[in-house]
Amino acid sequence: MVSSAARVCRMIVGVALVALGLSLGVGPAAAHSSLVSSNPAADSALEQPPTAIELTFNQDISESFATIAVRDDTDTQIEVSAPSVVGTVVTARLPTGLAAGGFTVGYRVVSADGHPITGEFTFTVAAGVAATDTGEAAPAIPGGSSVADRPAQDTHRGDDPDGSLDSNWIVVVVILAVVLGLAIIGGLLLYSSRRHSDEDPTDRPGAGDSK
């Protein structure tokens, strides 16, 4: 009886250790890529129109699937350069002489681990200010197709890293609760088997003699 209970306890401990290992790996494995910062910043009010849109992510971005689109407050598409990707930073140049008003930046990229990231944010440029053309040609960027020529992209807000972290912690708590429950069950089984063995009269010397 004791040996059977011990085997059950060992099995429970093994399962608990595996579950604990999985819970420790949930956080890093499920942490998806997300937008860290942008220039212009989201909801910012600028005195000078920007010359480029720069997006910084928390992981390297694939050069093959980066898209940035800009619309003004009349929903007119602003022609921008094809995005250039350097590690975690994606940049698209804006035309000079950008008019004052509100603008919406939409983006769709794919991180190096294959996770798609889409979202949008807005910024405004103060009235009566326009960028001046210095006469210098903008740096050539490979794949000179305009973002305006690319398929329309999703315009919902970007991934919420806080939400994903909350869900990860829920998974961790559930797994730890299962581990604790298995440990308690194993302890009760072991205690019960030992108590039964101690109280079994057949285990006592001379208990089987009827003389």
N, C-alpha and C. Protein backbone atom coordinates (compact mmCIF):
# COMPACT_ATOMS: atom_id res chain seq x y z
N MET A 1 0.83 -1.21 0.00
CA MET A 1 0.00 0.00 0.00
C MET A 1 0.86 1.26 0.00
N VAL A 2 1.93 1.20 0.85
CA VAL A 2 2.79 2.37 0.94
C VAL A 2 3.51 2.60 -0.37
N SER A 3 4.00 1.48 -0.98
CA SER A 3 4.74 1.63 -2.23
C SER A 3 3.84 2.19 -3.33
N SER A 4 2.57 1.75 -3.38
CA SER A 4 1.65 2.28 -4.39
C SER A 4 1.40 3.76 -4.18
N ALA A 5 1.20 4.17 -2.95
CA ALA A 5 0.99 5.59 -2.67
C ALA A 5 2.23 6.40 -3.01
N ALA A 6 3.39 5.81 -2.74
CA ALA A 6 4.64 6.53 -3.05
C ALA A 6 4.77 6.74 -4.55
N ARG A 7 4.38 5.71 -5.32
CA ARG A 7 4.44 5.85 -6.78
C ARG A 7 3.50 6.94 -7.26
N VAL A 8 2.30 6.96 -6.69
CA VAL A 8 1.34 8.00 -7.06
C VAL A 8 1.89 9.38 -6.72
N CYS A 9 2.49 9.50 -5.56
CA CYS A 9 3.06 10.80 -5.15
C CYS A 9 4.17 11.23 -6.09
N ARG A 10 5.02 10.26 -6.48
CA ARG A 10 6.10 10.61 -7.40
C ARG A 10 5.55 11.08 -8.74
N MET A 11 4.48 10.42 -9.21
CA MET A 11 3.85 10.85 -10.46
C MET A 11 3.29 12.27 -10.34
N ILE A 12 2.64 12.55 -9.22
CA ILE A 12 2.06 13.87 -9.01
C ILE A 12 3.16 14.93 -8.95
N VAL A 13 4.24 14.61 -8.24
CA VAL A 13 5.35 15.57 -8.17
C VAL A 13 5.94 15.82 -9.55
N GLY A 14 6.07 14.75 -10.36
CA GLY A 14 6.59 14.93 -11.71
C GLY A 14 5.71 15.82 -12.56
N VAL A 15 4.40 15.58 -12.50
CA VAL A 15 3.47 16.42 -13.26
C VAL A 15 3.54 17.86 -12.77
N ALA A 16 3.64 18.04 -11.45
CA ALA A 16 3.71 19.39 -10.90
C ALA A 16 4.96 20.12 -11.37
N LEU A 17 6.09 19.42 -11.42
CA LEU A 17 7.33 20.05 -11.88
C LEU A 17 7.24 20.45 -13.35
N VAL A 18 6.63 19.58 -14.16
CA VAL A 18 6.45 19.92 -15.58
C VAL A 18 5.56 21.14 -15.73
N ALA A 19 4.45 21.16 -14.98
CA ALA A 19 3.55 22.31 -15.07
C ALA A 19 4.22 23.59 -14.61
N LEU A 20 5.04 23.48 -13.56
CA LEU A 20 5.76 24.65 -13.08
C LEU A 20 6.73 25.17 -14.13
N GLY A 21 7.43 24.25 -14.79
CA GLY A 21 8.35 24.67 -15.85
C GLY A 21 7.62 25.36 -16.98
N LEU A 22 6.45 24.84 -17.35
CA LEU A 22 5.66 25.48 -18.40
C LEU A 22 5.21 26.87 -17.98
N SER A 23 4.83 27.02 -16.72
CA SER A 23 4.36 28.33 -16.26
C SER A 23 5.47 29.36 -16.29
N LEU A 24 6.70 28.94 -15.99
CA LEU A 24 7.82 29.88 -16.01
C LEU A 24 8.15 30.33 -17.42
N GLY A 25 7.81 29.50 -18.41
CA GLY A 25 8.11 29.87 -19.78
C GLY A 25 6.98 30.58 -20.49
N VAL A 26 5.83 30.71 -19.84
CA VAL A 26 4.68 31.34 -20.50
C VAL A 26 4.94 32.80 -20.78
N GLY A 27 5.47 33.54 -19.79
CA GLY A 27 5.67 34.98 -19.97
C GLY A 27 6.51 35.34 -21.16
N PRO A 28 7.79 34.88 -21.25
CA PRO A 28 8.63 35.25 -22.38
C PRO A 28 8.11 34.74 -23.70
N ALA A 29 7.56 33.50 -23.71
CA ALA A 29 7.15 32.93 -24.99
C ALA A 29 5.96 33.66 -25.56
N ALA A 30 5.06 34.15 -24.70
CA ALA A 30 3.84 34.77 -25.20
C ALA A 30 3.94 36.27 -25.34
N ALA A 31 5.09 36.83 -25.04
CA ALA A 31 5.26 38.28 -25.14
C ALA A 31 5.42 38.66 -26.60
N HIS A 32 4.37 39.16 -27.22
CA HIS A 32 4.39 39.50 -28.63
C HIS A 32 5.07 40.84 -28.84
N SER A 33 5.40 41.07 -30.11
CA SER A 33 5.98 42.36 -30.48
C SER A 33 4.92 43.45 -30.36
N SER A 34 5.38 44.67 -30.13
CA SER A 34 4.46 45.80 -30.03
C SER A 34 5.21 47.09 -30.33
N LEU A 35 4.45 48.13 -30.64
CA LEU A 35 5.02 49.45 -30.88
C LEU A 35 5.46 50.06 -29.56
N VAL A 36 6.71 50.51 -29.50
CA VAL A 36 7.25 51.11 -28.29
C VAL A 36 7.09 52.63 -28.32
N SER A 37 7.42 53.25 -29.44
CA SER A 37 7.34 54.70 -29.55
C SER A 37 7.22 55.09 -31.01
N SER A 38 6.85 56.34 -31.23
CA SER A 38 6.75 56.86 -32.60
C SER A 38 7.21 58.31 -32.62
N ASN A 39 7.63 58.73 -33.79
CA ASN A 39 8.00 60.13 -34.02
C ASN A 39 7.39 60.54 -35.36
N PRO A 40 6.35 61.40 -35.31
CA PRO A 40 5.76 62.11 -34.17
C PRO A 40 5.09 61.15 -33.17
N ALA A 41 5.01 61.61 -31.95
CA ALA A 41 4.36 60.82 -30.92
C ALA A 41 2.85 60.82 -31.13
N ALA A 42 2.20 59.78 -30.64
CA ALA A 42 0.75 59.69 -30.77
C ALA A 42 0.07 60.86 -30.06
N ASP A 43 -0.92 61.45 -30.72
CA ASP A 43 -1.72 62.56 -30.18
C ASP A 43 -0.91 63.82 -29.91
N SER A 44 0.24 63.94 -30.56
CA SER A 44 1.07 65.13 -30.35
C SER A 44 0.60 66.28 -31.23
N ALA A 45 0.89 67.52 -30.79
CA ALA A 45 0.60 68.73 -31.56
C ALA A 45 1.93 69.38 -31.92
N LEU A 46 2.22 69.48 -33.20
CA LEU A 46 3.53 69.95 -33.67
C LEU A 46 3.45 71.38 -34.19
N GLU A 47 4.49 72.12 -33.94
CA GLU A 47 4.60 73.47 -34.50
C GLU A 47 5.18 73.43 -35.91
N GLN A 48 5.99 72.42 -36.20
CA GLN A 48 6.56 72.23 -37.52
C GLN A 48 6.12 70.88 -38.07
N PRO A 49 5.78 70.79 -39.34
CA PRO A 49 5.39 69.49 -39.90
C PRO A 49 6.58 68.55 -39.92
N PRO A 50 6.38 67.30 -39.64
CA PRO A 50 7.49 66.34 -39.65
C PRO A 50 7.93 66.03 -41.07
N THR A 51 9.14 65.57 -41.20
CA THR A 51 9.66 65.17 -42.51
C THR A 51 9.60 63.66 -42.71
N ALA A 52 9.30 62.93 -41.65
CA ALA A 52 9.24 61.47 -41.75
C ALA A 52 8.40 60.91 -40.61
N ILE A 53 7.94 59.69 -40.80
CA ILE A 53 7.28 58.92 -39.75
C ILE A 53 8.26 57.85 -39.31
N GLU A 54 8.54 57.80 -38.02
CA GLU A 54 9.48 56.81 -37.49
C GLU A 54 8.80 56.00 -36.40
N LEU A 55 8.78 54.69 -36.57
CA LEU A 55 8.15 53.78 -35.62
C LEU A 55 9.22 52.88 -35.01
N THR A 56 9.20 52.75 -33.69
CA THR A 56 10.15 51.89 -33.00
C THR A 56 9.39 50.78 -32.27
N PHE A 57 9.79 49.53 -32.52
CA PHE A 57 9.14 48.37 -31.93
C PHE A 57 10.09 47.70 -30.93
N ASN A 58 9.55 46.74 -30.18
CA ASN A 58 10.37 46.08 -29.17
C ASN A 58 11.12 44.86 -29.71
N GLN A 59 10.88 44.51 -30.98
CA GLN A 59 11.61 43.42 -31.62
C GLN A 59 11.95 43.82 -33.05
N ASP A 60 12.93 43.13 -33.63
CA ASP A 60 13.29 43.40 -35.02
C ASP A 60 12.10 43.17 -35.94
N ILE A 61 12.04 43.97 -36.99
CA ILE A 61 10.92 43.93 -37.93
C ILE A 61 11.40 43.38 -39.27
N SER A 62 10.55 42.56 -39.90
CA SER A 62 10.86 42.03 -41.23
C SER A 62 10.82 43.14 -42.27
N GLU A 63 11.81 43.17 -43.15
CA GLU A 63 11.87 44.21 -44.17
C GLU A 63 10.83 43.98 -45.27
N SER A 64 10.31 42.77 -45.37
CA SER A 64 9.46 42.42 -46.51
C SER A 64 8.01 42.86 -46.36
N PHE A 65 7.54 43.10 -45.16
CA PHE A 65 6.10 43.30 -44.97
C PHE A 65 5.77 44.60 -44.23
N ALA A 66 6.66 45.57 -44.25
CA ALA A 66 6.40 46.83 -43.54
C ALA A 66 5.59 47.78 -44.42
N THR A 67 4.54 48.34 -43.86
CA THR A 67 3.67 49.28 -44.56
C THR A 67 3.32 50.44 -43.64
N ILE A 68 3.45 51.66 -44.14
CA ILE A 68 3.03 52.86 -43.41
C ILE A 68 2.18 53.70 -44.34
N ALA A 69 1.03 54.13 -43.89
CA ALA A 69 0.13 54.98 -44.67
C ALA A 69 -0.28 56.18 -43.83
N VAL A 70 -0.43 57.33 -44.48
CA VAL A 70 -0.79 58.57 -43.78
C VAL A 70 -1.98 59.19 -44.48
N ARG A 71 -2.99 59.62 -43.70
CA ARG A 71 -4.17 60.30 -44.22
C ARG A 71 -4.33 61.63 -43.49
N ASP A 72 -4.83 62.64 -44.21
CA ASP A 72 -5.10 63.91 -43.54
C ASP A 72 -6.51 63.91 -42.98
N ASP A 73 -6.94 65.07 -42.43
CA ASP A 73 -8.24 65.10 -41.76
C ASP A 73 -9.41 65.08 -42.72
N THR A 74 -9.14 65.14 -44.05
CA THR A 74 -10.21 64.96 -45.04
C THR A 74 -10.20 63.53 -45.58
N ASP A 75 -9.43 62.66 -44.96
CA ASP A 75 -9.29 61.25 -45.34
C ASP A 75 -8.59 61.09 -46.70
N THR A 76 -7.80 62.10 -47.08
CA THR A 76 -7.02 62.01 -48.31
C THR A 76 -5.67 61.35 -48.01
N GLN A 77 -5.31 60.40 -48.87
CA GLN A 77 -4.05 59.70 -48.67
C GLN A 77 -2.87 60.61 -48.99
N ILE A 78 -1.90 60.64 -48.08
CA ILE A 78 -0.66 61.40 -48.28
C ILE A 78 0.40 60.44 -48.82
N GLU A 79 1.00 60.81 -49.94
CA GLU A 79 2.00 59.93 -50.53
C GLU A 79 3.30 59.99 -49.71
N VAL A 80 3.75 58.84 -49.27
CA VAL A 80 4.98 58.74 -48.49
C VAL A 80 5.91 57.74 -49.17
N SER A 81 7.16 57.77 -48.78
CA SER A 81 8.12 56.84 -49.38
C SER A 81 7.87 55.42 -48.88
N ALA A 82 8.42 54.47 -49.60
CA ALA A 82 8.38 53.09 -49.11
C ALA A 82 9.16 53.00 -47.81
N PRO A 83 8.64 52.27 -46.83
CA PRO A 83 9.31 52.21 -45.53
C PRO A 83 10.69 51.57 -45.62
N SER A 84 11.62 52.10 -44.87
CA SER A 84 12.93 51.47 -44.69
C SER A 84 12.97 50.87 -43.29
N VAL A 85 13.59 49.72 -43.17
CA VAL A 85 13.63 48.99 -41.89
C VAL A 85 15.08 48.80 -41.47
N VAL A 86 15.37 49.23 -40.25
CA VAL A 86 16.69 49.01 -39.66
C VAL A 86 16.48 48.44 -38.26
N GLY A 87 16.57 47.14 -38.14
CA GLY A 87 16.37 46.50 -36.84
C GLY A 87 14.94 46.67 -36.35
N THR A 88 14.79 47.43 -35.27
CA THR A 88 13.46 47.63 -34.67
C THR A 88 12.79 48.91 -35.16
N VAL A 89 13.45 49.67 -36.03
CA VAL A 89 12.95 50.98 -36.45
C VAL A 89 12.48 50.93 -37.90
N VAL A 90 11.27 51.43 -38.12
CA VAL A 90 10.69 51.53 -39.47
C VAL A 90 10.45 53.01 -39.76
N THR A 91 10.93 53.48 -40.92
CA THR A 91 10.85 54.90 -41.26
C THR A 91 10.27 55.08 -42.65
N ALA A 92 9.38 56.05 -42.80
CA ALA A 92 8.85 56.45 -44.11
C ALA A 92 8.92 57.97 -44.20
N ARG A 93 9.45 58.49 -45.30
CA ARG A 93 9.60 59.94 -45.46
C ARG A 93 8.29 60.56 -45.96
N LEU A 94 8.00 61.75 -45.43
CA LEU A 94 6.82 62.51 -45.82
C LEU A 94 7.20 63.53 -46.90
N PRO A 95 6.23 63.96 -47.70
CA PRO A 95 6.53 65.01 -48.68
C PRO A 95 6.77 66.35 -47.99
N THR A 96 7.54 67.21 -48.62
CA THR A 96 7.77 68.55 -48.06
C THR A 96 6.52 69.40 -48.27
N GLY A 97 6.41 70.46 -47.47
CA GLY A 97 5.27 71.36 -47.59
C GLY A 97 3.98 70.75 -47.10
N LEU A 98 4.07 69.89 -46.10
CA LEU A 98 2.88 69.25 -45.55
C LEU A 98 1.98 70.32 -44.93
N ALA A 99 0.72 70.33 -45.32
CA ALA A 99 -0.22 71.35 -44.84
C ALA A 99 -0.54 71.14 -43.37
N ALA A 100 -1.01 72.22 -42.73
CA ALA A 100 -1.44 72.13 -41.34
C ALA A 100 -2.73 71.33 -41.24
N GLY A 101 -2.96 70.75 -40.08
CA GLY A 101 -4.19 69.99 -39.86
C GLY A 101 -3.91 68.71 -39.11
N GLY A 102 -4.90 67.84 -39.11
CA GLY A 102 -4.77 66.56 -38.41
C GLY A 102 -4.39 65.45 -39.37
N PHE A 103 -3.63 64.49 -38.86
CA PHE A 103 -3.15 63.38 -39.69
C PHE A 103 -3.28 62.07 -38.91
N THR A 104 -3.57 61.02 -39.65
CA THR A 104 -3.67 59.68 -39.07
C THR A 104 -2.61 58.79 -39.72
N VAL A 105 -1.81 58.15 -38.89
CA VAL A 105 -0.77 57.24 -39.37
C VAL A 105 -1.23 55.81 -39.11
N GLY A 106 -1.33 55.02 -40.16
CA GLY A 106 -1.64 53.60 -40.02
C GLY A 106 -0.42 52.78 -40.38
N TYR A 107 -0.21 51.69 -39.68
CA TYR A 107 0.96 50.86 -39.95
C TYR A 107 0.60 49.38 -39.85
N ARG A 108 1.32 48.61 -40.63
CA ARG A 108 1.21 47.15 -40.57
C ARG A 108 2.60 46.58 -40.82
N VAL A 109 3.13 45.86 -39.85
CA VAL A 109 4.45 45.26 -39.97
C VAL A 109 4.39 43.83 -39.44
N VAL A 110 5.46 43.09 -39.70
CA VAL A 110 5.58 41.73 -39.19
C VAL A 110 6.92 41.62 -38.48
N SER A 111 6.90 41.17 -37.24
CA SER A 111 8.14 41.06 -36.48
C SER A 111 8.95 39.86 -36.96
N ALA A 112 10.19 39.78 -36.51
CA ALA A 112 11.07 38.70 -36.94
C ALA A 112 10.54 37.33 -36.52
N ASP A 113 9.72 37.27 -35.45
CA ASP A 113 9.17 35.99 -35.03
C ASP A 113 7.86 35.66 -35.74
N GLY A 114 7.47 36.49 -36.72
CA GLY A 114 6.29 36.22 -37.52
C GLY A 114 5.00 36.80 -36.98
N HIS A 115 5.06 37.58 -35.90
CA HIS A 115 3.85 38.15 -35.31
C HIS A 115 3.47 39.44 -36.03
N PRO A 116 2.26 39.53 -36.61
CA PRO A 116 1.84 40.77 -37.27
C PRO A 116 1.46 41.84 -36.26
N ILE A 117 1.79 43.07 -36.57
CA ILE A 117 1.48 44.20 -35.70
C ILE A 117 0.81 45.27 -36.55
N THR A 118 -0.41 45.65 -36.20
CA THR A 118 -1.12 46.70 -36.91
C THR A 118 -1.64 47.72 -35.92
N GLY A 119 -1.83 48.93 -36.37
CA GLY A 119 -2.38 49.96 -35.50
C GLY A 119 -2.37 51.30 -36.19
N GLU A 120 -2.79 52.31 -35.47
CA GLU A 120 -2.80 53.67 -35.99
C GLU A 120 -2.71 54.67 -34.84
N PHE A 121 -2.29 55.87 -35.16
CA PHE A 121 -2.28 56.96 -34.19
C PHE A 121 -2.41 58.26 -34.96
N THR A 122 -2.67 59.34 -34.24
CA THR A 122 -2.89 60.63 -34.88
C THR A 122 -1.92 61.67 -34.34
N PHE A 123 -1.71 62.73 -35.13
CA PHE A 123 -0.97 63.91 -34.68
C PHE A 123 -1.51 65.10 -35.46
N THR A 124 -1.23 66.29 -34.99
CA THR A 124 -1.69 67.51 -35.66
C THR A 124 -0.51 68.44 -35.89
N VAL A 125 -0.64 69.26 -36.95
CA VAL A 125 0.36 70.28 -37.27
C VAL A 125 -0.32 71.64 -37.16
N ALA A 126 0.32 72.58 -36.46
CA ALA A 126 -0.27 73.90 -36.23
C ALA A 126 -0.48 74.63 -37.56
N ALA A 127 -1.51 75.49 -37.58
CA ALA A 127 -1.83 76.24 -38.80
C ALA A 127 -0.77 77.31 -39.05
N GLY A 128 -0.60 77.65 -40.33
CA GLY A 128 0.32 78.71 -40.71
C GLY A 128 1.77 78.28 -40.76
N VAL A 129 2.04 76.97 -40.68
CA VAL A 129 3.41 76.47 -40.71
C VAL A 129 3.51 75.42 -41.79
N ALA A 130 4.57 75.50 -42.58
CA ALA A 130 4.79 74.51 -43.62
C ALA A 130 6.27 74.24 -43.73
N ALA A 131 6.61 73.02 -44.06
CA ALA A 131 8.02 72.67 -44.20
C ALA A 131 8.57 73.30 -45.46
N THR A 132 9.82 73.74 -45.42
CA THR A 132 10.46 74.34 -46.59
C THR A 132 11.29 73.31 -47.29
N ASP A 133 11.31 73.41 -48.62
CA ASP A 133 12.06 72.47 -49.42
C ASP A 133 13.49 72.97 -49.52
N THR A 134 14.45 72.21 -49.07
CA THR A 134 15.85 72.61 -49.09
C THR A 134 16.50 72.36 -50.44
N GLY A 135 15.76 71.72 -51.34
CA GLY A 135 16.32 71.42 -52.64
C GLY A 135 17.13 70.14 -52.68
N GLU A 136 17.33 69.51 -51.52
CA GLU A 136 18.08 68.27 -51.47
C GLU A 136 17.14 67.11 -51.72
N ALA A 137 17.60 66.18 -52.52
CA ALA A 137 16.78 65.02 -52.84
C ALA A 137 16.72 64.10 -51.63
N ALA A 138 15.57 63.53 -51.41
CA ALA A 138 15.43 62.59 -50.30
C ALA A 138 16.25 61.35 -50.60
N PRO A 139 16.83 60.72 -49.59
CA PRO A 139 17.61 59.50 -49.81
C PRO A 139 16.78 58.43 -50.49
N ALA A 140 17.43 57.75 -51.42
CA ALA A 140 16.74 56.69 -52.13
C ALA A 140 16.49 55.53 -51.19
N ILE A 141 15.31 54.97 -51.26
CA ILE A 141 14.95 53.85 -50.40
C ILE A 141 14.56 52.69 -51.29
N PRO A 142 15.12 51.50 -51.06
CA PRO A 142 14.80 50.36 -51.92
C PRO A 142 13.31 50.11 -51.99
N GLY A 143 12.88 49.62 -53.18
CA GLY A 143 11.47 49.32 -53.38
C GLY A 143 10.65 50.57 -53.42
N GLY A 144 10.88 51.44 -54.39
CA GLY A 144 10.32 52.78 -54.38
C GLY A 144 8.84 52.87 -54.62
N SER A 145 8.07 51.84 -54.41
CA SER A 145 6.63 51.95 -54.57
C SER A 145 6.03 52.74 -53.43
N SER A 146 5.00 53.49 -53.72
CA SER A 146 4.36 54.31 -52.69
C SER A 146 3.46 53.46 -51.84
N VAL A 147 3.36 53.82 -50.57
CA VAL A 147 2.43 53.11 -49.70
C VAL A 147 1.01 53.26 -50.19
N ALA A 148 0.73 54.37 -50.88
CA ALA A 148 -0.63 54.58 -51.38
C ALA A 148 -1.01 53.53 -52.40
N ASP A 149 0.00 52.90 -53.07
CA ASP A 149 -0.29 51.89 -54.06
C ASP A 149 -0.49 50.52 -53.44
N ARG A 150 -0.25 50.41 -52.16
CA ARG A 150 -0.35 49.11 -51.51
C ARG A 150 -1.79 48.87 -51.06
N PRO A 151 -2.14 47.59 -50.80
CA PRO A 151 -3.51 47.29 -50.35
C PRO A 151 -3.83 48.01 -49.06
N ALA A 152 -5.11 48.32 -48.89
CA ALA A 152 -5.55 49.00 -47.67
C ALA A 152 -5.25 48.12 -46.47
N GLN A 153 -4.94 48.74 -45.36
CA GLN A 153 -4.57 48.00 -44.16
C GLN A 153 -5.59 48.23 -43.06
N ASP A 154 -5.50 47.39 -42.04
CA ASP A 154 -6.37 47.53 -40.88
C ASP A 154 -6.08 48.85 -40.19
N THR A 155 -7.13 49.46 -39.63
CA THR A 155 -6.96 50.77 -38.99
C THR A 155 -7.31 50.73 -37.51
N HIS A 156 -7.39 49.53 -36.93
CA HIS A 156 -7.68 49.49 -35.49
C HIS A 156 -6.43 49.81 -34.72
N ARG A 157 -6.63 50.08 -33.44
CA ARG A 157 -5.50 50.43 -32.58
C ARG A 157 -4.52 49.27 -32.49
N GLY A 158 -3.28 49.58 -32.21
CA GLY A 158 -2.23 48.57 -32.17
C GLY A 158 -2.40 47.61 -31.02
N ASP A 159 -1.56 46.58 -31.05
CA ASP A 159 -1.61 45.58 -29.99
C ASP A 159 -1.38 46.22 -28.64
N ASP A 160 -2.10 45.74 -27.65
CA ASP A 160 -1.97 46.26 -26.29
C ASP A 160 -1.08 45.32 -25.50
N PRO A 161 0.20 45.69 -25.27
CA PRO A 161 1.08 44.79 -24.54
C PRO A 161 0.62 44.53 -23.12
N ASP A 162 -0.04 45.51 -22.48
CA ASP A 162 -0.52 45.31 -21.11
C ASP A 162 -1.57 44.22 -21.07
N GLY A 163 -2.47 44.19 -22.09
CA GLY A 163 -3.50 43.17 -22.13
C GLY A 163 -2.91 41.78 -22.27
N SER A 164 -1.89 41.63 -23.13
CA SER A 164 -1.27 40.32 -23.30
C SER A 164 -0.56 39.89 -22.03
N LEU A 165 0.07 40.84 -21.33
CA LEU A 165 0.74 40.49 -20.08
C LEU A 165 -0.26 40.04 -19.03
N ASP A 166 -1.44 40.72 -18.97
CA ASP A 166 -2.48 40.32 -18.02
C ASP A 166 -2.92 38.89 -18.28
N SER A 167 -3.16 38.54 -19.55
CA SER A 167 -3.60 37.19 -19.88
C SER A 167 -2.51 36.17 -19.55
N ASN A 168 -1.24 36.55 -19.74
CA ASN A 168 -0.15 35.64 -19.40
C ASN A 168 -0.13 35.35 -17.90
N TRP A 169 -0.34 36.39 -17.08
CA TRP A 169 -0.35 36.18 -15.64
C TRP A 169 -1.51 35.30 -15.21
N ILE A 170 -2.64 35.41 -15.88
CA ILE A 170 -3.78 34.55 -15.56
C ILE A 170 -3.41 33.09 -15.80
N VAL A 171 -2.74 32.82 -16.93
CA VAL A 171 -2.32 31.45 -17.24
C VAL A 171 -1.35 30.95 -16.17
N VAL A 172 -0.40 31.80 -15.79
CA VAL A 172 0.59 31.41 -14.77
C VAL A 172 -0.10 31.08 -13.46
N VAL A 173 -1.05 31.92 -13.04
CA VAL A 173 -1.77 31.70 -11.77
C VAL A 173 -2.54 30.38 -11.82
N VAL A 174 -3.19 30.10 -12.95
CA VAL A 174 -3.95 28.85 -13.08
C VAL A 174 -3.02 27.64 -12.96
N ILE A 175 -1.88 27.70 -13.66
CA ILE A 175 -0.94 26.58 -13.62
C ILE A 175 -0.40 26.37 -12.21
N LEU A 176 -0.05 27.48 -11.54
CA LEU A 176 0.45 27.36 -10.17
C LEU A 176 -0.61 26.80 -9.23
N ALA A 177 -1.88 27.18 -9.46
CA ALA A 177 -2.96 26.63 -8.64
C ALA A 177 -3.09 25.13 -8.84
N VAL A 178 -2.93 24.68 -10.09
CA VAL A 178 -2.98 23.24 -10.37
C VAL A 178 -1.82 22.53 -9.69
N VAL A 179 -0.63 23.12 -9.76
CA VAL A 179 0.54 22.53 -9.11
C VAL A 179 0.31 22.40 -7.61
N LEU A 180 -0.21 23.46 -6.99
CA LEU A 180 -0.47 23.43 -5.55
C LEU A 180 -1.51 22.37 -5.21
N GLY A 181 -2.57 22.28 -6.02
CA GLY A 181 -3.59 21.28 -5.78
C GLY A 181 -3.05 19.86 -5.87
N LEU A 182 -2.21 19.60 -6.88
CA LEU A 182 -1.61 18.28 -7.01
C LEU A 182 -0.70 17.95 -5.83
N ALA A 183 0.04 18.96 -5.37
CA ALA A 183 0.92 18.74 -4.22
C ALA A 183 0.12 18.39 -2.97
N ILE A 184 -1.00 19.08 -2.77
CA ILE A 184 -1.85 18.81 -1.60
C ILE A 184 -2.43 17.40 -1.68
N ILE A 185 -2.92 17.03 -2.87
CA ILE A 185 -3.50 15.69 -3.05
C ILE A 185 -2.45 14.62 -2.78
N GLY A 186 -1.23 14.84 -3.31
CA GLY A 186 -0.17 13.87 -3.08
C GLY A 186 0.17 13.73 -1.61
N GLY A 187 0.22 14.86 -0.91
CA GLY A 187 0.52 14.80 0.52
C GLY A 187 -0.56 14.07 1.30
N LEU A 188 -1.82 14.31 0.95
CA LEU A 188 -2.92 13.62 1.64
C LEU A 188 -2.89 12.12 1.38
N LEU A 189 -2.61 11.73 0.14
CA LEU A 189 -2.53 10.30 -0.18
C LEU A 189 -1.41 9.62 0.60
N LEU A 190 -0.26 10.28 0.66
CA LEU A 190 0.87 9.70 1.38
C LEU A 190 0.57 9.59 2.87
N TYR A 191 -0.02 10.64 3.43
CA TYR A 191 -0.38 10.62 4.86
C TYR A 191 -1.39 9.52 5.15
N SER A 192 -2.40 9.39 4.27
CA SER A 192 -3.43 8.39 4.48
C SER A 192 -2.86 6.98 4.41
N SER A 193 -1.97 6.75 3.44
CA SER A 193 -1.41 5.40 3.29
C SER A 193 -0.53 5.03 4.48
N ARG A 194 0.25 5.97 4.98
CA ARG A 194 1.10 5.69 6.13
C ARG A 194 0.27 5.44 7.39
N ARG A 195 -0.80 6.23 7.55
CA ARG A 195 -1.66 6.05 8.72
C ARG A 195 -2.35 4.70 8.67
N HIS A 196 -2.80 4.31 7.46
CA HIS A 196 -3.46 3.02 7.32
C HIS A 196 -2.48 1.89 7.62
N SER A 197 -1.24 2.06 7.19
CA SER A 197 -0.23 1.02 7.44
C SER A 197 0.06 0.90 8.93
N ASP A 198 0.11 2.02 9.63
CA ASP A 198 0.39 1.99 11.07
C ASP A 198 -0.74 1.34 11.85
N GLU A 199 -1.98 1.49 11.37
CA GLU A 199 -3.14 0.98 12.11
C GLU A 199 -3.53 -0.43 11.69
N ASP A 200 -2.90 -0.98 10.63
CA ASP A 200 -3.28 -2.31 10.14
C ASP A 200 -2.78 -3.37 11.12
N PRO A 201 -3.67 -4.12 11.79
CA PRO A 201 -3.25 -5.12 12.79
C PRO A 201 -2.46 -6.26 12.20
N THR A 202 -2.60 -6.51 10.91
CA THR A 202 -1.88 -7.62 10.30
C THR A 202 -0.39 -7.35 10.22
N ASP A 203 0.00 -6.07 10.36
CA ASP A 203 1.41 -5.71 10.31
C ASP A 203 2.11 -5.88 11.65
N ARG A 204 1.32 -6.14 12.75
CA ARG A 204 1.91 -6.24 14.09
C ARG A 204 2.42 -7.66 14.32
N PRO A 205 3.50 -7.82 15.08
CA PRO A 205 4.03 -9.16 15.37
C PRO A 205 3.01 -10.01 16.11
N GLY A 206 2.82 -11.24 15.64
CA GLY A 206 1.92 -12.16 16.31
C GLY A 206 0.46 -11.88 16.08
N ALA A 207 0.15 -10.86 15.20
CA ALA A 207 -1.26 -10.53 15.01
C ALA A 207 -2.00 -11.64 14.33
N GLY A 208 -1.28 -12.47 13.56
CA GLY A 208 -1.97 -13.53 12.82
C GLY A 208 -2.12 -14.81 13.60
N ASP A 209 -1.52 -14.94 14.84
CA ASP A 209 -1.62 -16.17 15.62
C ASP A 209 -2.99 -16.25 16.28
N SER A 210 -3.63 -17.37 16.18
CA SER A 210 -4.95 -17.55 16.80
C SER A 210 -4.90 -18.52 17.97
N LYS A 211 -3.70 -18.97 18.28
CA LYS A 211 -3.58 -19.90 19.39
C LYS A 211 -3.75 -19.19 20.72
